[in-house]
Amino acid sequence: MTSPKCDLPQGTLDLLILKTVALGPVHGYAIAQRLQQISRDVVQVPGGSLYPALHRLENRKLLVAEWGQTETGRDAKFYRLTRRGRAHLEAGSASWQRLSETVGLILGMAEGGPR
């Protein structure tokens, strides 16, 4: 059984990329693969969304990139989190945690409960 794909809310992709890169230097294709694998195919990021996001994060100085070779010998940009990127990731993660808990509370309200 396949999981349905899910549209990510605005700004979520950046946070997911930063979290993936925080685990260690990685190239773009591997970022997309990790997100798809960890999410059990719910998050599938096409190159047309991934690479502009990586460039945006690099321009904002949240990531830095260096050319290197993949496991298969291909040249690729490997992305690494900057100090500024780590701070952004921590703040964004905390914000998402608060939002997630709040939405859970609201969705868990009983019908006719407190207003």
N, C-alpha and C. Protein backbone atom coordinates (compact mmCIF):
# COMPACT_ATOMS: atom_id res chain seq x y z
N MET A 1 0.85 -1.19 0.00
CA MET A 1 0.00 0.00 0.00
C MET A 1 0.89 1.24 0.00
N THR A 2 0.61 2.17 -0.86
CA THR A 2 1.42 3.39 -0.93
C THR A 2 0.76 4.49 -0.12
N SER A 3 1.59 5.33 0.45
CA SER A 3 1.09 6.47 1.22
C SER A 3 0.73 7.59 0.27
N PRO A 4 -0.34 8.33 0.56
CA PRO A 4 -0.67 9.46 -0.31
C PRO A 4 0.38 10.56 -0.17
N LYS A 5 0.65 11.22 -1.30
CA LYS A 5 1.58 12.35 -1.24
C LYS A 5 0.89 13.50 -0.52
N CYS A 6 1.70 14.40 -0.02
CA CYS A 6 1.18 15.49 0.79
C CYS A 6 1.82 16.80 0.32
N ASP A 7 1.00 17.84 0.15
CA ASP A 7 1.54 19.15 -0.18
C ASP A 7 2.09 19.78 1.10
N LEU A 8 3.30 20.29 1.02
CA LEU A 8 3.92 20.90 2.19
C LEU A 8 3.49 22.35 2.33
N PRO A 9 3.15 22.77 3.56
CA PRO A 9 2.86 24.19 3.77
C PRO A 9 4.08 25.05 3.44
N GLN A 10 3.84 26.30 3.06
CA GLN A 10 4.90 27.24 2.71
C GLN A 10 5.99 27.27 3.78
N GLY A 11 7.23 27.19 3.36
CA GLY A 11 8.36 27.28 4.29
C GLY A 11 8.78 25.95 4.90
N THR A 12 7.96 24.92 4.76
CA THR A 12 8.27 23.63 5.38
C THR A 12 9.44 22.94 4.70
N LEU A 13 9.50 23.03 3.38
CA LEU A 13 10.57 22.35 2.65
C LEU A 13 11.94 22.84 3.13
N ASP A 14 12.09 24.14 3.33
CA ASP A 14 13.36 24.68 3.80
C ASP A 14 13.77 24.04 5.12
N LEU A 15 12.83 23.93 6.03
CA LEU A 15 13.10 23.36 7.34
C LEU A 15 13.50 21.88 7.22
N LEU A 16 12.79 21.14 6.37
CA LEU A 16 13.11 19.72 6.18
C LEU A 16 14.49 19.54 5.54
N ILE A 17 14.83 20.42 4.61
CA ILE A 17 16.17 20.36 4.00
C ILE A 17 17.24 20.65 5.05
N LEU A 18 17.03 21.69 5.85
CA LEU A 18 18.01 22.03 6.88
C LEU A 18 18.21 20.87 7.85
N LYS A 19 17.13 20.22 8.23
CA LYS A 19 17.22 19.09 9.16
C LYS A 19 18.00 17.94 8.53
N THR A 20 17.74 17.67 7.27
CA THR A 20 18.44 16.59 6.57
C THR A 20 19.93 16.90 6.45
N VAL A 21 20.26 18.13 6.12
CA VAL A 21 21.67 18.53 5.96
C VAL A 21 22.37 18.57 7.32
N ALA A 22 21.63 18.81 8.40
CA ALA A 22 22.22 18.86 9.74
C ALA A 22 22.84 17.51 10.13
N LEU A 23 22.41 16.45 9.48
CA LEU A 23 22.93 15.11 9.78
C LEU A 23 24.31 14.89 9.17
N GLY A 24 24.74 15.78 8.28
CA GLY A 24 26.06 15.67 7.66
C GLY A 24 26.00 16.13 6.22
N PRO A 25 27.15 16.49 5.63
CA PRO A 25 27.18 16.98 4.25
C PRO A 25 26.51 15.99 3.30
N VAL A 26 25.69 16.52 2.40
CA VAL A 26 24.92 15.66 1.52
C VAL A 26 24.61 16.42 0.22
N HIS A 27 24.50 15.67 -0.86
CA HIS A 27 24.16 16.29 -2.15
C HIS A 27 22.65 16.30 -2.34
N GLY A 28 22.20 17.13 -3.29
CA GLY A 28 20.77 17.37 -3.49
C GLY A 28 19.94 16.13 -3.71
N TYR A 29 20.37 15.25 -4.60
CA TYR A 29 19.59 14.05 -4.89
C TYR A 29 19.43 13.20 -3.64
N ALA A 30 20.49 13.10 -2.83
CA ALA A 30 20.41 12.31 -1.60
C ALA A 30 19.45 12.95 -0.59
N ILE A 31 19.35 14.28 -0.58
CA ILE A 31 18.40 14.97 0.30
C ILE A 31 16.98 14.52 -0.06
N ALA A 32 16.66 14.57 -1.35
CA ALA A 32 15.32 14.16 -1.81
C ALA A 32 15.05 12.70 -1.45
N GLN A 33 16.04 11.84 -1.64
CA GLN A 33 15.88 10.42 -1.32
C GLN A 33 15.62 10.21 0.18
N ARG A 34 16.41 10.90 1.03
CA ARG A 34 16.24 10.75 2.48
C ARG A 34 14.86 11.21 2.93
N LEU A 35 14.41 12.35 2.40
CA LEU A 35 13.10 12.86 2.78
C LEU A 35 12.00 11.87 2.37
N GLN A 36 12.12 11.32 1.19
CA GLN A 36 11.12 10.36 0.71
C GLN A 36 11.15 9.09 1.55
N GLN A 37 12.35 8.62 1.87
CA GLN A 37 12.48 7.38 2.65
C GLN A 37 11.97 7.56 4.07
N ILE A 38 12.41 8.61 4.74
CA ILE A 38 12.03 8.83 6.14
C ILE A 38 10.53 9.06 6.27
N SER A 39 9.94 9.73 5.27
CA SER A 39 8.50 10.03 5.32
C SER A 39 7.64 8.88 4.79
N ARG A 40 8.29 7.77 4.45
CA ARG A 40 7.57 6.62 3.87
C ARG A 40 6.80 7.02 2.62
N ASP A 41 7.46 7.75 1.76
CA ASP A 41 6.95 8.20 0.46
C ASP A 41 5.89 9.29 0.51
N VAL A 42 5.61 9.85 1.68
CA VAL A 42 4.63 10.93 1.76
C VAL A 42 5.23 12.22 1.22
N VAL A 43 6.49 12.49 1.56
CA VAL A 43 7.17 13.69 1.07
C VAL A 43 8.03 13.30 -0.12
N GLN A 44 7.64 13.78 -1.29
CA GLN A 44 8.40 13.55 -2.52
C GLN A 44 8.70 14.92 -3.11
N VAL A 45 9.99 15.25 -3.13
CA VAL A 45 10.40 16.58 -3.57
C VAL A 45 11.01 16.52 -4.96
N PRO A 46 10.30 17.06 -5.95
CA PRO A 46 10.86 17.06 -7.31
C PRO A 46 12.02 18.05 -7.40
N GLY A 47 12.91 17.80 -8.35
CA GLY A 47 14.07 18.67 -8.55
C GLY A 47 13.68 20.12 -8.78
N GLY A 48 12.54 20.34 -9.41
CA GLY A 48 12.08 21.70 -9.69
C GLY A 48 11.72 22.48 -8.43
N SER A 49 11.55 21.78 -7.33
CA SER A 49 11.32 22.43 -6.03
C SER A 49 12.57 22.39 -5.17
N LEU A 50 13.29 21.27 -5.23
CA LEU A 50 14.45 21.07 -4.36
C LEU A 50 15.59 22.03 -4.68
N TYR A 51 16.00 22.09 -5.94
CA TYR A 51 17.19 22.87 -6.27
C TYR A 51 16.99 24.38 -6.08
N PRO A 52 15.82 24.94 -6.42
CA PRO A 52 15.61 26.35 -6.08
C PRO A 52 15.65 26.59 -4.57
N ALA A 53 15.14 25.64 -3.79
CA ALA A 53 15.18 25.78 -2.33
C ALA A 53 16.62 25.73 -1.83
N LEU A 54 17.43 24.84 -2.38
CA LEU A 54 18.84 24.76 -1.97
C LEU A 54 19.57 26.06 -2.31
N HIS A 55 19.33 26.61 -3.49
CA HIS A 55 19.96 27.88 -3.88
C HIS A 55 19.50 29.02 -2.95
N ARG A 56 18.21 29.04 -2.63
CA ARG A 56 17.67 30.06 -1.72
C ARG A 56 18.33 29.96 -0.35
N LEU A 57 18.48 28.75 0.17
CA LEU A 57 19.11 28.56 1.48
C LEU A 57 20.59 28.93 1.45
N GLU A 58 21.22 28.68 0.33
CA GLU A 58 22.63 29.05 0.16
C GLU A 58 22.75 30.58 0.10
N ASN A 59 21.87 31.22 -0.64
CA ASN A 59 21.89 32.69 -0.74
C ASN A 59 21.61 33.36 0.60
N ARG A 60 20.80 32.73 1.43
CA ARG A 60 20.49 33.27 2.77
C ARG A 60 21.57 32.91 3.79
N LYS A 61 22.63 32.24 3.33
CA LYS A 61 23.77 31.85 4.17
C LYS A 61 23.38 30.85 5.26
N LEU A 62 22.36 30.02 4.97
CA LEU A 62 21.95 28.97 5.90
C LEU A 62 22.65 27.66 5.54
N LEU A 63 23.10 27.56 4.29
CA LEU A 63 23.86 26.41 3.80
C LEU A 63 25.08 26.92 3.04
N VAL A 64 26.13 26.11 3.04
CA VAL A 64 27.27 26.34 2.15
C VAL A 64 27.44 25.05 1.34
N ALA A 65 28.00 25.20 0.16
CA ALA A 65 28.16 24.04 -0.72
C ALA A 65 29.58 23.94 -1.25
N GLU A 66 30.02 22.72 -1.43
CA GLU A 66 31.33 22.44 -2.03
C GLU A 66 31.13 21.31 -3.03
N TRP A 67 31.87 21.38 -4.12
CA TRP A 67 31.80 20.30 -5.10
C TRP A 67 32.56 19.09 -4.59
N GLY A 68 32.00 17.93 -4.85
CA GLY A 68 32.64 16.67 -4.48
C GLY A 68 32.09 15.56 -5.36
N GLN A 69 32.50 14.33 -5.05
CA GLN A 69 32.03 13.19 -5.84
C GLN A 69 31.09 12.34 -5.01
N THR A 70 30.01 11.90 -5.66
CA THR A 70 29.05 11.00 -5.02
C THR A 70 29.65 9.61 -4.93
N GLU A 71 28.91 8.71 -4.29
CA GLU A 71 29.35 7.32 -4.16
C GLU A 71 29.53 6.67 -5.53
N THR A 72 28.78 7.16 -6.51
CA THR A 72 28.85 6.60 -7.86
C THR A 72 29.88 7.31 -8.75
N GLY A 73 30.63 8.26 -8.18
CA GLY A 73 31.69 8.95 -8.92
C GLY A 73 31.24 10.17 -9.69
N ARG A 74 29.99 10.58 -9.52
CA ARG A 74 29.50 11.78 -10.22
C ARG A 74 29.84 13.03 -9.42
N ASP A 75 30.11 14.12 -10.14
CA ASP A 75 30.35 15.41 -9.48
C ASP A 75 29.02 15.96 -9.00
N ALA A 76 29.00 16.48 -7.77
CA ALA A 76 27.77 17.05 -7.21
C ALA A 76 28.14 18.07 -6.14
N LYS A 77 27.23 18.99 -5.90
CA LYS A 77 27.40 19.94 -4.81
C LYS A 77 26.97 19.26 -3.51
N PHE A 78 27.83 19.32 -2.51
CA PHE A 78 27.51 18.78 -1.20
C PHE A 78 27.22 19.95 -0.27
N TYR A 79 26.06 19.91 0.36
CA TYR A 79 25.60 21.02 1.20
C TYR A 79 25.90 20.73 2.66
N ARG A 80 26.24 21.81 3.37
CA ARG A 80 26.57 21.74 4.79
C ARG A 80 25.86 22.90 5.49
N LEU A 81 25.40 22.65 6.69
CA LEU A 81 24.71 23.66 7.49
C LEU A 81 25.72 24.68 8.03
N THR A 82 25.37 25.95 8.00
CA THR A 82 26.20 26.98 8.62
C THR A 82 25.72 27.19 10.06
N ARG A 83 26.45 27.97 10.82
CA ARG A 83 26.02 28.29 12.19
C ARG A 83 24.66 29.00 12.15
N ARG A 84 24.54 29.90 11.19
CA ARG A 84 23.27 30.62 11.02
C ARG A 84 22.14 29.64 10.64
N GLY A 85 22.46 28.66 9.79
CA GLY A 85 21.49 27.65 9.40
C GLY A 85 21.04 26.80 10.58
N ARG A 86 21.98 26.46 11.46
CA ARG A 86 21.65 25.66 12.64
C ARG A 86 20.71 26.44 13.56
N ALA A 87 20.97 27.73 13.75
CA ALA A 87 20.11 28.58 14.58
C ALA A 87 18.71 28.67 13.97
N HIS A 88 18.66 28.83 12.63
CA HIS A 88 17.37 28.89 11.93
C HIS A 88 16.61 27.57 12.09
N LEU A 89 17.32 26.46 11.98
CA LEU A 89 16.71 25.14 12.15
C LEU A 89 16.14 24.97 13.55
N GLU A 90 16.89 25.37 14.56
CA GLU A 90 16.42 25.24 15.95
C GLU A 90 15.18 26.08 16.19
N ALA A 91 15.19 27.32 15.72
CA ALA A 91 14.04 28.21 15.90
C ALA A 91 12.83 27.68 15.12
N GLY A 92 13.05 27.24 13.89
CA GLY A 92 11.96 26.71 13.07
C GLY A 92 11.38 25.43 13.64
N SER A 93 12.24 24.57 14.17
CA SER A 93 11.77 23.32 14.78
C SER A 93 10.91 23.59 16.01
N ALA A 94 11.35 24.53 16.83
CA ALA A 94 10.58 24.89 18.03
C ALA A 94 9.22 25.47 17.65
N SER A 95 9.20 26.30 16.62
CA SER A 95 7.96 26.89 16.16
C SER A 95 7.01 25.82 15.62
N TRP A 96 7.53 24.89 14.83
CA TRP A 96 6.70 23.80 14.30
C TRP A 96 6.16 22.93 15.43
N GLN A 97 6.97 22.67 16.45
CA GLN A 97 6.53 21.85 17.59
C GLN A 97 5.35 22.52 18.29
N ARG A 98 5.46 23.83 18.54
CA ARG A 98 4.36 24.57 19.19
C ARG A 98 3.11 24.54 18.33
N LEU A 99 3.28 24.78 17.03
CA LEU A 99 2.13 24.79 16.12
C LEU A 99 1.48 23.41 16.06
N SER A 100 2.28 22.37 15.96
CA SER A 100 1.77 21.01 15.89
C SER A 100 0.96 20.66 17.14
N GLU A 101 1.50 21.00 18.31
CA GLU A 101 0.79 20.74 19.57
C GLU A 101 -0.52 21.50 19.62
N THR A 102 -0.49 22.75 19.18
CA THR A 102 -1.70 23.59 19.20
C THR A 102 -2.77 23.05 18.26
N VAL A 103 -2.37 22.67 17.04
CA VAL A 103 -3.33 22.11 16.09
C VAL A 103 -3.90 20.80 16.65
N GLY A 104 -3.06 20.00 17.28
CA GLY A 104 -3.51 18.76 17.91
C GLY A 104 -4.56 19.02 18.98
N LEU A 105 -4.33 20.05 19.79
CA LEU A 105 -5.30 20.40 20.82
C LEU A 105 -6.63 20.82 20.21
N ILE A 106 -6.56 21.64 19.17
CA ILE A 106 -7.78 22.13 18.53
C ILE A 106 -8.53 20.98 17.86
N LEU A 107 -7.81 20.14 17.13
CA LEU A 107 -8.47 19.02 16.45
C LEU A 107 -9.01 17.99 17.43
N GLY A 108 -8.42 17.93 18.62
CA GLY A 108 -8.85 16.97 19.63
C GLY A 108 -10.01 17.46 20.48
N MET A 109 -10.45 18.72 20.26
CA MET A 109 -11.56 19.24 21.05
C MET A 109 -12.81 18.40 20.83
N ALA A 110 -13.53 18.14 21.90
CA ALA A 110 -14.81 17.44 21.78
C ALA A 110 -15.85 18.41 21.25
N GLU A 111 -16.78 17.89 20.46
CA GLU A 111 -17.88 18.71 19.97
C GLU A 111 -18.63 19.30 21.16
N GLY A 112 -18.92 20.57 21.08
CA GLY A 112 -19.66 21.21 22.17
C GLY A 112 -18.80 21.52 23.38
N GLY A 113 -17.48 21.33 23.25
CA GLY A 113 -16.58 21.58 24.36
C GLY A 113 -16.34 23.08 24.54
N PRO A 114 -15.30 23.44 25.30
CA PRO A 114 -14.99 24.86 25.55
C PRO A 114 -14.77 25.63 24.25
N ARG A 115 -15.20 26.87 24.25
CA ARG A 115 -15.04 27.72 23.06
C ARG A 115 -14.20 28.91 23.37
